[in-house]
Protein backbone atom coordinates (compact mmCIF):
# COMPACT_ATOMS: atom_id res chain seq x y z
CA MET A 1 -1.41 15.80 -41.06
CA LEU A 2 1.03 17.56 -38.73
CA ASP A 3 0.99 21.31 -39.00
CA LYS A 4 4.24 22.76 -40.36
CA SER A 5 3.78 25.70 -37.99
CA LEU A 6 5.21 23.35 -35.33
CA ILE A 7 8.66 23.86 -36.87
CA GLY A 8 10.74 25.96 -34.53
CA ARG A 9 8.58 25.34 -31.45
CA GLU A 10 10.79 24.86 -28.38
CA SER A 11 10.27 23.25 -25.02
CA GLU A 12 10.87 24.87 -21.72
CA PRO A 13 14.29 23.93 -20.34
CA VAL A 14 14.32 20.74 -18.25
CA VAL A 15 17.11 20.29 -15.68
CA HIS A 16 18.52 16.82 -14.97
CA ASP A 17 20.88 15.97 -12.13
CA VAL A 18 23.01 13.06 -13.35
CA GLU A 19 23.33 10.51 -10.56
CA LYS A 20 25.87 7.71 -10.12
CA GLY A 21 23.12 5.15 -9.63
CA ALA A 22 21.40 6.14 -12.87
CA ILE A 23 24.67 5.77 -14.80
CA ARG A 24 25.37 2.37 -13.23
CA ARG A 25 21.84 1.08 -13.95
CA PHE A 26 22.02 2.35 -17.54
CA ALA A 27 25.38 0.63 -18.13
CA GLU A 28 24.09 -2.59 -16.57
CA ALA A 29 20.97 -2.50 -18.75
CA LEU A 30 23.22 -2.15 -21.80
CA GLY A 31 25.42 -5.00 -20.63
CA ASP A 32 28.46 -2.79 -21.16
CA PRO A 33 31.36 -4.03 -19.01
CA ASN A 34 33.45 -0.83 -19.23
CA PRO A 35 34.47 -0.14 -15.60
CA ILE A 36 34.44 3.68 -16.01
CA TYR A 37 30.63 3.43 -16.01
CA VAL A 38 30.35 1.63 -12.68
CA ASP A 39 33.62 1.99 -10.72
CA GLU A 40 34.67 5.45 -9.51
CA GLU A 41 38.32 4.41 -9.07
CA ALA A 42 38.44 3.10 -12.64
CA ALA A 43 36.92 6.37 -13.91
CA ARG A 44 39.53 8.41 -12.01
CA ALA A 45 42.34 6.15 -13.24
CA ALA A 46 41.11 6.83 -16.79
CA GLY A 47 41.37 10.58 -16.17
CA TYR A 48 37.77 11.44 -15.30
CA PRO A 49 36.70 13.14 -12.05
CA ALA A 50 33.59 10.94 -11.68
CA LEU A 51 31.72 8.04 -13.25
CA VAL A 52 31.26 8.48 -16.99
CA ALA A 53 27.87 7.92 -18.59
CA PRO A 54 27.76 5.54 -21.58
CA PRO A 55 27.43 7.40 -24.89
CA THR A 56 23.72 6.67 -25.32
CA PHE A 57 22.87 7.85 -21.78
CA ALA A 58 21.78 11.18 -23.26
CA ALA A 59 18.67 9.34 -24.53
CA ALA A 60 17.51 9.13 -20.90
CA LEU A 61 17.76 12.92 -20.63
CA ILE A 62 15.83 13.93 -23.75
CA VAL A 63 12.43 12.40 -23.11
CA ASN A 64 10.17 15.40 -22.55
CA GLU A 65 6.63 14.02 -22.49
CA ARG A 66 5.08 17.38 -21.56
CA PHE A 67 6.55 18.94 -24.71
CA ARG A 68 5.54 16.00 -26.91
CA SER A 69 2.00 16.20 -25.52
CA SER A 70 1.90 19.89 -26.43
CA LEU A 71 2.50 18.92 -30.07
CA GLU A 72 -0.90 17.17 -30.07
CA LEU A 73 0.29 14.08 -31.91
CA GLY A 74 -2.82 12.21 -30.86
CA THR A 75 -2.99 8.45 -30.58
CA ARG A 76 -1.57 7.64 -33.99
CA VAL A 77 0.96 4.88 -34.46
CA LEU A 78 4.41 6.36 -33.80
CA LEU A 79 7.69 4.76 -34.87
CA HIS A 80 11.02 6.02 -33.54
CA SER A 81 12.99 5.57 -36.73
CA GLU A 82 16.33 7.27 -36.20
CA GLN A 83 18.44 8.88 -33.49
CA LEU A 84 21.81 10.59 -33.72
CA PHE A 85 24.03 12.02 -30.99
CA ASP A 86 26.81 14.58 -31.17
CA TYR A 87 28.82 15.19 -28.00
CA GLY A 88 30.56 18.28 -26.72
CA ARG A 89 32.03 16.33 -23.80
CA PRO A 90 31.37 13.20 -21.75
CA ILE A 91 28.43 13.27 -19.35
CA LEU A 92 29.61 12.66 -15.78
CA ALA A 93 28.00 11.77 -12.47
CA GLY A 94 27.26 14.99 -10.65
CA ASP A 95 26.55 16.97 -13.80
CA ARG A 96 23.50 19.19 -13.95
CA ILE A 97 22.36 19.11 -17.58
CA THR A 98 19.70 21.48 -18.91
CA VAL A 99 17.91 20.12 -21.97
CA LYS A 100 15.76 21.97 -24.50
CA THR A 101 13.90 20.30 -27.34
CA ARG A 102 12.99 21.94 -30.64
CA VAL A 103 10.86 20.81 -33.57
CA ALA A 104 13.38 20.88 -36.41
CA ASP A 105 11.16 19.66 -39.24
CA VAL A 106 7.75 18.31 -40.18
CA GLN A 107 7.30 16.46 -43.47
CA ASP A 108 4.45 14.76 -45.30
CA ARG A 109 5.31 11.50 -47.09
CA ALA A 110 3.56 8.70 -48.88
CA GLY A 111 4.13 5.25 -47.41
CA ALA A 112 3.24 1.73 -48.47
CA SER A 113 0.36 1.69 -45.97
CA GLY A 114 -0.79 5.24 -46.70
CA PRO A 115 0.18 8.81 -45.90
CA MET A 116 2.47 9.48 -42.97
CA ASP A 117 4.07 12.40 -41.19
CA ILE A 118 7.74 12.72 -40.34
CA LEU A 119 8.59 14.63 -37.16
CA VAL A 120 12.18 15.65 -36.45
CA LEU A 121 13.09 16.76 -32.93
CA GLU A 122 16.44 18.19 -31.92
CA ASP A 123 17.60 18.27 -28.32
CA GLU A 124 20.47 20.19 -26.82
CA GLY A 125 21.94 19.48 -23.40
CA ARG A 126 24.18 22.03 -21.68
CA ASP A 127 26.03 21.78 -18.38
CA ALA A 128 25.79 24.22 -15.46
CA GLN A 129 28.46 26.44 -17.07
CA GLY A 130 26.51 26.57 -20.36
CA ALA A 131 28.94 24.33 -22.26
CA LEU A 132 27.48 21.90 -24.78
CA ALA A 133 27.26 18.36 -23.40
CA PHE A 134 25.33 16.87 -26.33
CA ARG A 135 23.01 17.41 -29.26
CA ALA A 136 20.54 14.75 -30.31
CA ARG A 137 18.33 14.41 -33.36
CA GLU A 138 15.33 12.07 -33.36
CA VAL A 139 13.18 11.16 -36.34
CA PHE A 140 9.66 9.83 -35.79
CA VAL A 141 7.28 8.38 -38.36
CA LEU A 142 3.59 8.89 -37.55
CA ARG A 143 1.05 6.90 -39.48
CA ARG A 144 -2.21 8.66 -40.13
CA GLY A 145 -5.32 6.81 -39.15
């Protein structure tokens, strides 16, 4: 069972430099044909100063394995069950985004295959000026074994 004392634990800030190539590769992997993700002229014509990251690009910025390891989740079966994003502004090539992760909740639930833990992580990404770029909320189901 996950310890409820984890609630409120925060990661150290992690800084990400958003690169054009990463945005292009992400958009290509999605199969999204929107030119503002891959063509700088198209992004400028649409009113942006640089390539725009697809909306789910923030998922590439929130993976903090060091923090997750510190939670001592062990080798249990983990299911990523839900993810929500809230944006303060578009993420652009050239941005420097600082991300912090926080344990928002830990719950104990009964499942069809036995007891399980629910872990809720919240991430916040801020730009170099401190303005909110995004908030994310991830829900994980951990089966006890």
